[in-house]
Amino acid sequence: MNYSLPISASYRKPVFEAVALQVLFGFLSLMILDGGDCARISGAALLAFWGGAGVLIWRHPHTPTKTDLEFIRFGYLPVLVFAFVVIHLVWRARGL
């Protein structure tokens, strides 16, 4: 039985680097004593990032561009910043 995914092997290194970056930022956000707000925002950003990365890999499974690989490698950082800004604005608007 073949357990390999039908995608390009060039996705392997960026995916592992993205996971390492997310583990680092996830651990740091869990260490902040704010009642779990940073951890929830980091989790939401994590889901949003992997949703986007999944669509990107689905659209270009065999021929990823350099931009695709760079987004997978470092795309979590802008998604995390965007999530912090937007979620804080929404919480403030709701009065939380």
N, C-alpha and C. Protein backbone atom coordinates (compact mmCIF):
# COMPACT_ATOMS: atom_id res chain seq x y z
N MET A 1 0.84 -1.17 0.00
CA MET A 1 0.00 0.00 0.00
C MET A 1 0.89 1.24 0.00
N ASN A 2 0.57 2.19 -0.84
CA ASN A 2 1.35 3.41 -0.98
C ASN A 2 0.74 4.51 -0.10
N TYR A 3 1.53 5.04 0.84
CA TYR A 3 1.03 6.06 1.75
C TYR A 3 1.47 7.47 1.39
N SER A 4 2.09 7.67 0.25
CA SER A 4 2.56 9.00 -0.13
C SER A 4 1.41 9.80 -0.75
N LEU A 5 1.49 11.11 -0.55
CA LEU A 5 0.49 12.00 -1.13
C LEU A 5 0.86 12.31 -2.58
N PRO A 6 -0.13 12.51 -3.43
CA PRO A 6 0.17 12.81 -4.84
C PRO A 6 0.48 14.30 -5.05
N ILE A 7 1.44 14.82 -4.29
CA ILE A 7 1.86 16.21 -4.46
C ILE A 7 3.37 16.23 -4.67
N SER A 8 3.85 17.37 -5.07
CA SER A 8 5.27 17.53 -5.35
C SER A 8 6.11 17.38 -4.08
N ALA A 9 7.29 16.81 -4.23
CA ALA A 9 8.20 16.65 -3.09
C ALA A 9 8.78 17.98 -2.62
N SER A 10 8.67 19.02 -3.45
CA SER A 10 9.21 20.32 -3.05
C SER A 10 8.37 20.98 -1.95
N TYR A 11 7.19 20.45 -1.66
CA TYR A 11 6.38 20.97 -0.55
C TYR A 11 6.90 20.49 0.81
N ARG A 12 7.68 19.44 0.83
CA ARG A 12 8.07 18.80 2.08
C ARG A 12 8.80 19.76 3.04
N LYS A 13 9.85 20.39 2.59
CA LYS A 13 10.64 21.27 3.47
C LYS A 13 9.85 22.48 3.95
N PRO A 14 9.12 23.21 3.08
CA PRO A 14 8.34 24.34 3.58
C PRO A 14 7.26 23.94 4.59
N VAL A 15 6.65 22.78 4.41
CA VAL A 15 5.62 22.34 5.35
C VAL A 15 6.24 22.06 6.71
N PHE A 16 7.37 21.39 6.75
CA PHE A 16 8.02 21.11 8.03
C PHE A 16 8.50 22.40 8.70
N GLU A 17 8.99 23.35 7.92
CA GLU A 17 9.41 24.63 8.50
C GLU A 17 8.22 25.40 9.03
N ALA A 18 7.09 25.35 8.34
CA ALA A 18 5.88 26.02 8.81
C ALA A 18 5.39 25.39 10.11
N VAL A 19 5.43 24.09 10.20
CA VAL A 19 5.01 23.41 11.43
C VAL A 19 5.93 23.80 12.59
N ALA A 20 7.23 23.86 12.35
CA ALA A 20 8.17 24.25 13.40
C ALA A 20 7.91 25.68 13.87
N LEU A 21 7.65 26.58 12.94
CA LEU A 21 7.35 27.96 13.29
C LEU A 21 6.05 28.05 14.09
N GLN A 22 5.06 27.28 13.72
CA GLN A 22 3.78 27.30 14.42
C GLN A 22 3.88 26.68 15.80
N VAL A 23 4.69 25.67 15.96
CA VAL A 23 4.91 25.09 17.29
C VAL A 23 5.58 26.12 18.19
N LEU A 24 6.57 26.83 17.67
CA LEU A 24 7.26 27.85 18.44
C LEU A 24 6.30 28.96 18.88
N PHE A 25 5.56 29.53 17.93
CA PHE A 25 4.63 30.61 18.27
C PHE A 25 3.46 30.10 19.12
N GLY A 26 3.03 28.88 18.90
CA GLY A 26 1.98 28.31 19.73
C GLY A 26 2.42 28.15 21.16
N PHE A 27 3.63 27.67 21.37
CA PHE A 27 4.17 27.51 22.72
C PHE A 27 4.32 28.87 23.40
N LEU A 28 4.82 29.86 22.65
CA LEU A 28 4.98 31.19 23.24
C LEU A 28 3.62 31.82 23.57
N SER A 29 2.62 31.61 22.74
CA SER A 29 1.30 32.18 23.02
C SER A 29 0.64 31.48 24.20
N LEU A 30 0.94 30.21 24.41
CA LEU A 30 0.40 29.51 25.57
C LEU A 30 1.04 29.99 26.87
N MET A 31 2.25 30.52 26.80
CA MET A 31 2.94 30.97 28.01
C MET A 31 2.48 32.36 28.48
N ILE A 32 1.75 33.09 27.65
CA ILE A 32 1.28 34.42 28.03
C ILE A 32 0.08 34.27 28.95
N LEU A 33 0.13 34.94 30.09
CA LEU A 33 -0.93 34.82 31.10
C LEU A 33 -2.00 35.88 30.88
N ASP A 34 -2.85 35.65 29.89
CA ASP A 34 -3.92 36.59 29.60
C ASP A 34 -5.28 35.89 29.55
N GLY A 35 -5.39 34.76 30.19
CA GLY A 35 -6.65 34.02 30.20
C GLY A 35 -6.87 33.18 28.96
N GLY A 36 -5.86 33.00 28.18
CA GLY A 36 -5.96 32.17 26.98
C GLY A 36 -6.34 32.91 25.72
N ASP A 37 -6.41 34.24 25.76
CA ASP A 37 -6.80 35.01 24.58
C ASP A 37 -5.78 34.86 23.45
N CYS A 38 -4.51 34.98 23.76
CA CYS A 38 -3.47 34.84 22.73
C CYS A 38 -3.47 33.43 22.13
N ALA A 39 -3.69 32.43 22.98
CA ALA A 39 -3.73 31.06 22.48
C ALA A 39 -4.91 30.84 21.55
N ARG A 40 -6.07 31.42 21.87
CA ARG A 40 -7.23 31.29 21.00
C ARG A 40 -7.01 31.98 19.66
N ILE A 41 -6.40 33.16 19.69
CA ILE A 41 -6.12 33.87 18.45
C ILE A 41 -5.10 33.11 17.62
N SER A 42 -4.08 32.56 18.26
CA SER A 42 -3.09 31.77 17.54
C SER A 42 -3.72 30.53 16.93
N GLY A 43 -4.64 29.91 17.64
CA GLY A 43 -5.35 28.75 17.10
C GLY A 43 -6.21 29.10 15.91
N ALA A 44 -6.89 30.24 15.98
CA ALA A 44 -7.70 30.68 14.84
C ALA A 44 -6.82 30.97 13.63
N ALA A 45 -5.67 31.60 13.87
CA ALA A 45 -4.73 31.88 12.78
C ALA A 45 -4.17 30.58 12.20
N LEU A 46 -3.95 29.61 13.05
CA LEU A 46 -3.44 28.31 12.61
C LEU A 46 -4.45 27.64 11.67
N LEU A 47 -5.72 27.65 12.05
CA LEU A 47 -6.75 27.06 11.19
C LEU A 47 -6.88 27.81 9.88
N ALA A 48 -6.84 29.14 9.94
CA ALA A 48 -6.94 29.94 8.72
C ALA A 48 -5.75 29.68 7.79
N PHE A 49 -4.56 29.61 8.37
CA PHE A 49 -3.37 29.38 7.55
C PHE A 49 -3.43 28.03 6.85
N TRP A 50 -3.74 26.96 7.59
CA TRP A 50 -3.74 25.64 6.97
C TRP A 50 -4.90 25.47 6.00
N GLY A 51 -5.99 26.20 6.22
CA GLY A 51 -7.06 26.21 5.21
C GLY A 51 -6.56 26.81 3.90
N GLY A 52 -5.87 27.95 4.00
CA GLY A 52 -5.30 28.58 2.81
C GLY A 52 -4.21 27.75 2.18
N ALA A 53 -3.35 27.16 2.99
CA ALA A 53 -2.28 26.32 2.45
C ALA A 53 -2.84 25.07 1.77
N GLY A 54 -3.91 24.52 2.35
CA GLY A 54 -4.55 23.36 1.73
C GLY A 54 -5.12 23.69 0.36
N VAL A 55 -5.77 24.84 0.26
CA VAL A 55 -6.30 25.26 -1.04
C VAL A 55 -5.17 25.50 -2.03
N LEU A 56 -4.09 26.11 -1.56
CA LEU A 56 -2.94 26.38 -2.43
C LEU A 56 -2.33 25.07 -2.94
N ILE A 57 -2.15 24.10 -2.08
CA ILE A 57 -1.59 22.82 -2.48
C ILE A 57 -2.57 22.08 -3.40
N TRP A 58 -3.85 22.20 -3.13
CA TRP A 58 -4.86 21.55 -3.97
C TRP A 58 -4.86 22.14 -5.38
N ARG A 59 -4.64 23.45 -5.48
CA ARG A 59 -4.65 24.11 -6.79
C ARG A 59 -3.38 23.86 -7.60
N HIS A 60 -2.23 23.69 -6.92
CA HIS A 60 -0.95 23.45 -7.61
C HIS A 60 -0.26 22.23 -7.01
N PRO A 61 -0.79 21.03 -7.18
CA PRO A 61 -0.20 19.87 -6.50
C PRO A 61 1.16 19.43 -7.04
N HIS A 62 1.40 19.62 -8.33
CA HIS A 62 2.63 19.08 -8.92
C HIS A 62 3.64 20.14 -9.31
N THR A 63 3.21 21.37 -9.51
CA THR A 63 4.12 22.42 -9.95
C THR A 63 3.97 23.67 -9.08
N PRO A 64 4.48 23.63 -7.84
CA PRO A 64 4.37 24.82 -7.00
C PRO A 64 5.33 25.91 -7.48
N THR A 65 4.87 27.15 -7.38
CA THR A 65 5.73 28.27 -7.71
C THR A 65 6.56 28.64 -6.49
N LYS A 66 7.54 29.49 -6.70
CA LYS A 66 8.37 29.93 -5.58
C LYS A 66 7.52 30.70 -4.56
N THR A 67 6.55 31.47 -5.06
CA THR A 67 5.66 32.21 -4.17
C THR A 67 4.82 31.26 -3.32
N ASP A 68 4.35 30.17 -3.91
CA ASP A 68 3.58 29.17 -3.16
C ASP A 68 4.41 28.60 -2.01
N LEU A 69 5.65 28.25 -2.31
CA LEU A 69 6.51 27.66 -1.30
C LEU A 69 6.86 28.66 -0.19
N GLU A 70 7.08 29.91 -0.58
CA GLU A 70 7.38 30.94 0.43
C GLU A 70 6.16 31.24 1.29
N PHE A 71 4.96 31.23 0.70
CA PHE A 71 3.76 31.43 1.51
C PHE A 71 3.60 30.31 2.52
N ILE A 72 3.82 29.08 2.09
CA ILE A 72 3.69 27.97 3.03
C ILE A 72 4.75 28.07 4.11
N ARG A 73 5.96 28.47 3.75
CA ARG A 73 7.05 28.55 4.71
C ARG A 73 6.82 29.66 5.74
N PHE A 74 6.49 30.88 5.30
CA PHE A 74 6.43 32.03 6.21
C PHE A 74 5.05 32.68 6.28
N GLY A 75 4.05 32.13 5.67
CA GLY A 75 2.74 32.75 5.60
C GLY A 75 2.01 32.82 6.92
N TYR A 76 2.42 32.00 7.88
CA TYR A 76 1.75 32.02 9.18
C TYR A 76 1.96 33.34 9.91
N LEU A 77 3.10 33.97 9.71
CA LEU A 77 3.38 35.23 10.42
C LEU A 77 2.41 36.34 10.03
N PRO A 78 2.21 36.65 8.74
CA PRO A 78 1.22 37.69 8.42
C PRO A 78 -0.20 37.30 8.79
N VAL A 79 -0.53 36.02 8.68
CA VAL A 79 -1.87 35.57 9.08
C VAL A 79 -2.05 35.76 10.58
N LEU A 80 -1.03 35.49 11.36
CA LEU A 80 -1.10 35.67 12.81
C LEU A 80 -1.27 37.14 13.18
N VAL A 81 -0.51 38.01 12.56
CA VAL A 81 -0.64 39.46 12.83
C VAL A 81 -2.03 39.94 12.42
N PHE A 82 -2.50 39.54 11.26
CA PHE A 82 -3.82 39.93 10.79
C PHE A 82 -4.91 39.43 11.74
N ALA A 83 -4.77 38.19 12.21
CA ALA A 83 -5.76 37.64 13.14
C ALA A 83 -5.78 38.41 14.45
N PHE A 84 -4.60 38.76 14.98
CA PHE A 84 -4.56 39.53 16.23
C PHE A 84 -5.27 40.87 16.06
N VAL A 85 -5.02 41.56 14.97
CA VAL A 85 -5.64 42.88 14.76
C VAL A 85 -7.14 42.74 14.59
N VAL A 86 -7.57 41.85 13.71
CA VAL A 86 -9.00 41.74 13.41
C VAL A 86 -9.78 41.22 14.62
N ILE A 87 -9.27 40.19 15.28
CA ILE A 87 -10.01 39.63 16.42
C ILE A 87 -10.08 40.62 17.57
N HIS A 88 -9.01 41.36 17.82
CA HIS A 88 -9.08 42.38 18.87
C HIS A 88 -10.08 43.48 18.52
N LEU A 89 -10.13 43.88 17.25
CA LEU A 89 -11.12 44.89 16.83
C LEU A 89 -12.55 44.36 17.00
N VAL A 90 -12.78 43.13 16.65
CA VAL A 90 -14.10 42.54 16.80
C VAL A 90 -14.48 42.43 18.27
N TRP A 91 -13.54 41.99 19.10
CA TRP A 91 -13.84 41.87 20.53
C TRP A 91 -14.13 43.24 21.13
N ARG A 92 -13.39 44.26 20.72
CA ARG A 92 -13.62 45.60 21.23
C ARG A 92 -14.98 46.14 20.77
N ALA A 93 -15.35 45.85 19.52
CA ALA A 93 -16.64 46.30 19.01
C ALA A 93 -17.80 45.63 19.73
N ARG A 94 -17.60 44.37 20.13
CA ARG A 94 -18.64 43.65 20.86
C ARG A 94 -18.64 43.98 22.34
N GLY A 95 -17.63 44.68 22.81
CA GLY A 95 -17.55 45.04 24.22
C GLY A 95 -16.97 43.96 25.11
N LEU A 96 -16.21 43.06 24.54
CA LEU A 96 -15.61 41.97 25.34
C LEU A 96 -14.25 42.34 25.85
